[in-house]
N, C-alpha and C. Protein backbone atom coordinates (compact mmCIF):
# COMPACT_ATOMS: atom_id res chain seq x y z
N MET A 1 24.36 -56.45 40.80
CA MET A 1 25.13 -55.20 40.46
C MET A 1 24.94 -54.84 38.78
N ASN A 2 24.60 -55.99 38.18
CA ASN A 2 24.16 -55.78 36.83
C ASN A 2 23.19 -54.94 36.54
N GLU A 3 22.26 -54.99 37.31
CA GLU A 3 20.94 -54.37 37.11
C GLU A 3 21.05 -52.90 37.46
N THR A 4 22.17 -52.49 38.43
CA THR A 4 22.29 -51.38 39.09
C THR A 4 23.13 -50.30 37.76
N LEU A 5 24.08 -51.16 37.04
CA LEU A 5 24.87 -50.60 36.03
C LEU A 5 23.80 -50.17 35.10
N VAL A 6 22.98 -50.95 34.73
CA VAL A 6 22.17 -50.85 33.45
C VAL A 6 21.15 -49.67 33.61
N PHE A 7 20.66 -49.70 35.12
CA PHE A 7 19.98 -48.36 35.62
C PHE A 7 20.98 -47.11 35.33
N ALA A 8 21.86 -47.10 35.83
CA ALA A 8 22.88 -46.15 35.62
C ALA A 8 23.01 -45.47 34.40
N GLN A 9 23.23 -46.48 33.40
CA GLN A 9 23.62 -46.17 31.95
C GLN A 9 22.23 -45.34 31.41
N VAL A 10 20.96 -46.06 31.87
CA VAL A 10 19.72 -45.54 31.43
C VAL A 10 19.37 -44.07 31.81
N MET A 11 19.82 -43.71 33.35
CA MET A 11 19.90 -42.43 33.87
C MET A 11 20.69 -41.58 33.19
N THR A 12 21.93 -42.03 32.78
CA THR A 12 22.83 -41.11 32.17
C THR A 12 22.29 -40.48 30.83
N VAL A 13 21.65 -41.51 29.99
CA VAL A 13 21.25 -41.19 28.90
C VAL A 13 20.08 -40.15 28.81
N ILE A 14 19.11 -40.58 30.06
CA ILE A 14 18.01 -39.58 30.24
C ILE A 14 18.37 -38.13 30.35
N VAL A 15 19.44 -38.00 31.44
CA VAL A 15 19.94 -36.98 31.66
C VAL A 15 20.79 -35.96 30.72
N ILE A 16 21.51 -36.87 29.97
CA ILE A 16 22.08 -36.20 28.99
C ILE A 16 21.15 -35.50 27.84
N SER A 17 20.00 -36.45 27.63
CA SER A 17 19.06 -36.23 26.57
C SER A 17 18.46 -34.91 26.99
N THR A 18 18.01 -34.85 28.17
CA THR A 18 17.31 -33.69 28.80
C THR A 18 18.17 -32.42 28.59
N ALA A 19 19.38 -32.51 29.21
CA ALA A 19 20.42 -31.34 29.23
C ALA A 19 20.27 -30.72 27.76
N ALA A 20 20.54 -31.78 26.80
CA ALA A 20 20.74 -31.44 25.31
C ALA A 20 19.42 -31.09 24.69
N PHE A 21 18.43 -31.26 25.04
CA PHE A 21 17.13 -30.63 24.74
C PHE A 21 17.00 -29.33 25.36
N LEU A 22 17.42 -28.84 26.70
CA LEU A 22 17.29 -27.89 27.32
C LEU A 22 18.45 -26.85 26.60
N ALA A 23 19.44 -27.28 26.26
CA ALA A 23 20.48 -26.43 25.57
C ALA A 23 19.92 -26.12 24.25
N ILE A 24 19.67 -26.73 23.47
CA ILE A 24 18.93 -26.61 22.20
C ILE A 24 17.76 -25.48 22.28
N GLY A 25 16.93 -25.68 23.35
CA GLY A 25 15.91 -24.67 23.45
C GLY A 25 16.53 -23.34 24.08
N LEU A 26 17.34 -23.38 24.79
CA LEU A 26 18.14 -21.98 25.22
C LEU A 26 18.75 -21.34 24.13
N VAL A 27 19.54 -22.11 23.46
CA VAL A 27 20.19 -21.55 22.11
C VAL A 27 19.40 -21.08 21.22
N THR A 28 18.36 -21.82 21.00
CA THR A 28 17.00 -21.33 19.73
C THR A 28 16.61 -19.99 20.29
N ARG A 29 16.20 -19.90 21.57
CA ARG A 29 15.64 -18.83 22.06
C ARG A 29 16.51 -17.71 22.14
N ILE A 30 17.82 -17.88 22.30
CA ILE A 30 18.79 -16.76 22.19
C ILE A 30 18.89 -16.15 20.84
N LEU A 31 19.18 -17.22 19.81
CA LEU A 31 19.32 -16.73 18.38
C LEU A 31 17.99 -16.25 17.89
N TRP A 32 16.87 -16.74 18.36
CA TRP A 32 15.52 -16.15 17.81
C TRP A 32 15.39 -14.51 18.37
N ARG A 33 15.78 -14.16 19.73
CA ARG A 33 15.72 -12.95 20.37
C ARG A 33 16.84 -12.00 19.22
N ARG A 34 18.00 -12.48 19.19
CA ARG A 34 18.95 -11.87 18.53
C ARG A 34 18.55 -11.28 17.05
N GLY A 35 17.96 -12.49 16.36
CA GLY A 35 17.59 -12.06 14.90
C GLY A 35 16.45 -11.12 15.13
N SER A 36 15.70 -11.25 16.10
CA SER A 36 14.14 -10.40 15.89
C SER A 36 14.43 -8.95 16.52
N VAL A 37 15.63 -8.60 16.97
CA VAL A 37 15.82 -7.15 17.34
C VAL A 37 15.72 -6.16 16.13
N MET A 38 14.55 -5.21 16.43
CA MET A 38 14.71 -4.23 15.34
C MET A 38 16.01 -3.54 15.27
N PRO A 39 16.51 -3.36 13.75
CA PRO A 39 17.83 -2.23 13.79
C PRO A 39 17.45 -0.90 14.25
N ILE A 40 18.44 -0.03 14.52
CA ILE A 40 18.02 1.28 14.78
C ILE A 40 17.85 1.95 13.79
N ARG A 41 16.57 2.58 13.77
CA ARG A 41 16.50 3.67 12.44
C ARG A 41 17.14 4.73 12.52
N ARG A 42 17.66 5.30 11.59
CA ARG A 42 18.07 6.56 11.56
C ARG A 42 17.19 7.58 11.24
N GLU A 43 17.32 8.87 11.36
CA GLU A 43 16.07 9.60 11.03
C GLU A 43 16.20 9.82 9.52
N ALA A 44 15.26 9.94 8.84
CA ALA A 44 14.83 10.35 7.35
C ALA A 44 15.58 11.95 7.23
N HIS A 45 16.41 11.97 6.24
CA HIS A 45 16.86 13.32 5.83
C HIS A 45 15.85 14.05 5.32
N TYR A 46 15.72 15.13 5.73
CA TYR A 46 14.43 16.15 5.45
C TYR A 46 14.97 16.75 4.22
N ASP A 47 14.44 16.64 2.84
CA ASP A 47 14.74 17.42 1.92
C ASP A 47 13.84 18.39 1.43
N GLN A 48 14.19 19.76 1.39
CA GLN A 48 13.50 20.66 1.30
C GLN A 48 13.02 20.90 -0.12
N GLU A 49 13.89 20.69 -1.03
CA GLU A 49 13.72 20.67 -2.61
C GLU A 49 12.45 19.67 -2.75
N ARG A 50 12.72 18.46 -2.27
CA ARG A 50 11.69 17.32 -2.62
C ARG A 50 10.34 17.72 -1.94
N GLN A 51 10.22 18.33 -0.74
CA GLN A 51 9.13 18.80 -0.15
C GLN A 51 8.08 19.86 -1.01
N GLN A 52 9.12 20.55 -1.56
CA GLN A 52 8.64 21.83 -2.44
C GLN A 52 7.93 21.11 -3.61
N ARG A 53 8.56 20.25 -4.51
CA ARG A 53 8.25 19.70 -5.56
C ARG A 53 7.04 18.78 -5.17
N LEU A 54 6.73 18.25 -4.19
CA LEU A 54 5.75 17.57 -3.73
C LEU A 54 4.38 18.34 -3.67
N GLU A 55 4.77 19.63 -2.88
CA GLU A 55 3.66 20.70 -2.68
C GLU A 55 3.14 21.20 -4.07
N MET A 56 4.07 21.42 -4.97
CA MET A 56 3.58 21.81 -6.27
C MET A 56 2.83 20.85 -7.15
N ALA A 57 3.33 19.60 -6.97
CA ALA A 57 2.41 18.51 -7.58
C ALA A 57 1.00 18.50 -7.03
N VAL A 58 0.91 18.61 -5.69
CA VAL A 58 -0.58 18.28 -5.23
C VAL A 58 -1.22 19.85 -5.55
N ASP A 59 -0.49 20.87 -5.74
CA ASP A 59 -1.32 22.19 -6.04
C ASP A 59 -1.88 21.83 -7.60
N THR A 60 -0.84 21.43 -8.29
CA THR A 60 -1.37 21.13 -9.88
C THR A 60 -2.49 20.18 -10.14
N ILE A 61 -2.44 19.24 -9.34
CA ILE A 61 -3.58 18.12 -9.14
C ILE A 61 -4.61 18.79 -8.76
N ALA A 62 -4.73 19.54 -7.55
CA ALA A 62 -5.94 20.12 -7.12
C ALA A 62 -6.53 21.39 -8.02
N ILE A 63 -5.68 21.92 -8.73
CA ILE A 63 -6.27 22.80 -10.13
C ILE A 63 -6.88 22.06 -10.88
N GLU A 64 -6.34 20.96 -11.59
CA GLU A 64 -6.85 20.25 -12.45
C GLU A 64 -8.19 19.41 -12.11
N VAL A 65 -8.19 18.98 -10.82
CA VAL A 65 -9.44 18.42 -10.42
C VAL A 65 -10.46 19.52 -10.36
N GLU A 66 -10.17 20.93 -10.17
CA GLU A 66 -11.31 21.66 -9.90
C GLU A 66 -11.59 22.15 -11.41
N ARG A 67 -10.71 22.14 -12.44
CA ARG A 67 -11.15 22.40 -13.82
C ARG A 67 -11.90 21.25 -14.37
N ILE A 68 -11.90 20.05 -13.89
CA ILE A 68 -12.65 18.82 -14.37
C ILE A 68 -13.97 19.02 -13.60
N SER A 69 -14.03 19.45 -12.71
CA SER A 69 -15.61 19.50 -11.96
C SER A 69 -16.27 20.84 -12.59
N GLU A 70 -15.27 21.97 -12.75
CA GLU A 70 -16.26 23.04 -13.44
C GLU A 70 -16.73 22.75 -14.88
N ALA A 71 -15.92 21.85 -15.52
CA ALA A 71 -16.32 21.32 -16.83
C ALA A 71 -17.47 20.53 -16.50
N GLN A 72 -17.51 19.71 -15.76
CA GLN A 72 -18.73 18.62 -15.57
C GLN A 72 -19.85 19.42 -14.99
N ARG A 73 -19.57 20.60 -14.31
CA ARG A 73 -21.06 21.31 -14.06
C ARG A 73 -21.47 21.92 -15.09
N PHE A 74 -20.56 22.39 -15.93
CA PHE A 74 -21.03 23.10 -17.28
C PHE A 74 -22.04 22.32 -18.23
N MET A 75 -21.20 21.03 -18.18
CA MET A 75 -21.71 20.24 -19.03
C MET A 75 -23.13 19.53 -18.59
N VAL A 76 -23.44 19.34 -17.16
CA VAL A 76 -24.51 18.85 -16.88
C VAL A 76 -25.81 20.19 -16.81
N GLY A 77 -25.25 21.41 -16.72
CA GLY A 77 -25.93 22.73 -16.97
C GLY A 77 -26.72 22.72 -18.60
N LEU A 78 -25.75 22.40 -19.46
CA LEU A 78 -26.18 22.39 -20.63
C LEU A 78 -27.06 21.14 -21.03
N LEU A 79 -26.80 19.97 -20.49
CA LEU A 79 -27.56 18.74 -20.74
C LEU A 79 -29.02 18.83 -20.24
N SER A 80 -29.12 19.67 -18.90
CA SER A 80 -30.28 19.82 -18.27
C SER A 80 -31.45 21.01 -18.63
N ASP A 81 -30.95 21.62 -19.77
CA ASP A 81 -31.56 22.55 -20.13
C ASP A 81 -31.91 22.37 -21.69
N PRO A 82 -33.00 21.75 -21.87
CA PRO A 82 -33.27 21.48 -23.20
C PRO A 82 -33.20 22.95 -24.24
N ALA A 83 -33.71 23.83 -23.72
CA ALA A 83 -33.92 25.19 -24.74
C ALA A 83 -32.57 25.49 -25.06
N SER A 84 -31.56 25.48 -24.51
CA SER A 84 -30.17 25.85 -24.77
C SER A 84 -29.64 25.01 -25.86
N ALA A 85 -29.89 23.75 -25.63
CA ALA A 85 -29.38 22.94 -26.79
C ALA A 85 -30.19 23.13 -28.01
N ARG A 86 -31.32 23.32 -27.91
CA ARG A 86 -32.12 23.76 -29.31
C ARG A 86 -31.74 24.88 -29.86
N GLN A 87 -31.28 25.72 -29.23
CA GLN A 87 -30.74 27.15 -29.67
C GLN A 87 -29.35 26.90 -30.37
N ALA A 88 -28.62 26.02 -29.66
CA ALA A 88 -27.13 25.54 -30.26
C ALA A 88 -27.31 24.81 -31.77
N ASP A 89 -28.53 24.05 -31.59
CA ASP A 89 -28.70 23.40 -33.09
C ASP A 89 -29.35 24.24 -34.02
N LEU A 90 -30.02 25.27 -33.60
CA LEU A 90 -30.48 26.10 -34.70
C LEU A 90 -29.53 27.02 -35.00
N ALA A 91 -28.55 27.49 -34.22
CA ALA A 91 -27.43 28.29 -34.40
C ALA A 91 -26.52 27.77 -35.70
N SER A 92 -26.51 26.62 -35.76
CA SER A 92 -25.72 26.01 -36.82
C SER A 92 -26.54 25.33 -38.03
N PRO A 93 -26.80 26.33 -39.03
CA PRO A 93 -27.77 25.91 -40.09
C PRO A 93 -27.33 24.65 -40.89
N GLY A 94 -25.94 24.55 -41.23
CA GLY A 94 -25.27 23.58 -41.88
C GLY A 94 -25.51 22.20 -41.62
N ARG A 95 -25.80 21.97 -40.26
CA ARG A 95 -26.08 20.74 -39.45
C ARG A 95 -27.56 20.20 -39.63
N VAL A 96 -27.73 19.28 -39.96
CA VAL A 96 -29.14 18.73 -40.03
C VAL A 96 -29.23 17.45 -39.15
N GLY A 97 -30.20 17.33 -38.16
CA GLY A 97 -30.36 16.08 -37.34
C GLY A 97 -29.09 15.29 -36.77
N ARG A 98 -29.10 14.06 -36.96
CA ARG A 98 -27.96 13.37 -36.45
C ARG A 98 -26.90 13.10 -37.34
N VAL A 99 -25.74 12.96 -36.62
CA VAL A 99 -24.77 12.73 -37.65
C VAL A 99 -24.04 11.14 -37.32
N ASN A 100 -24.12 10.20 -38.07
CA ASN A 100 -23.70 9.18 -37.62
C ASN A 100 -22.24 8.94 -37.77
N THR A 101 -21.34 8.35 -36.80
CA THR A 101 -19.82 8.37 -36.99
C THR A 101 -19.85 6.92 -37.19
N PRO A 102 -18.56 6.67 -38.05
CA PRO A 102 -18.26 5.01 -37.77
C PRO A 102 -17.62 4.88 -36.58
N HIS A 103 -17.88 3.74 -35.98
CA HIS A 103 -16.88 3.31 -34.99
C HIS A 103 -16.12 1.99 -35.22
């Protein structure tokens, strides 16, 4: 009878431990799912004034980029034509040769 009582106690501990582990696992899973649910997103408020400011900024940037590219094309044209560079040097008689500037 003593062995039966010890066996019953061991089995009780095993059953209670297994039930506790299963309960912990289920509670963890339920809490994990509840915490990972994405909140419902509200629709973003459409702001017409902000949209217009953004469009104006993009247009302004596009115009400035076009001006920069035109200036770059002009400079490439000047640098690639040595005759026009010589004429510019001859047009200013007061300037002779290179001018060293301090850095």
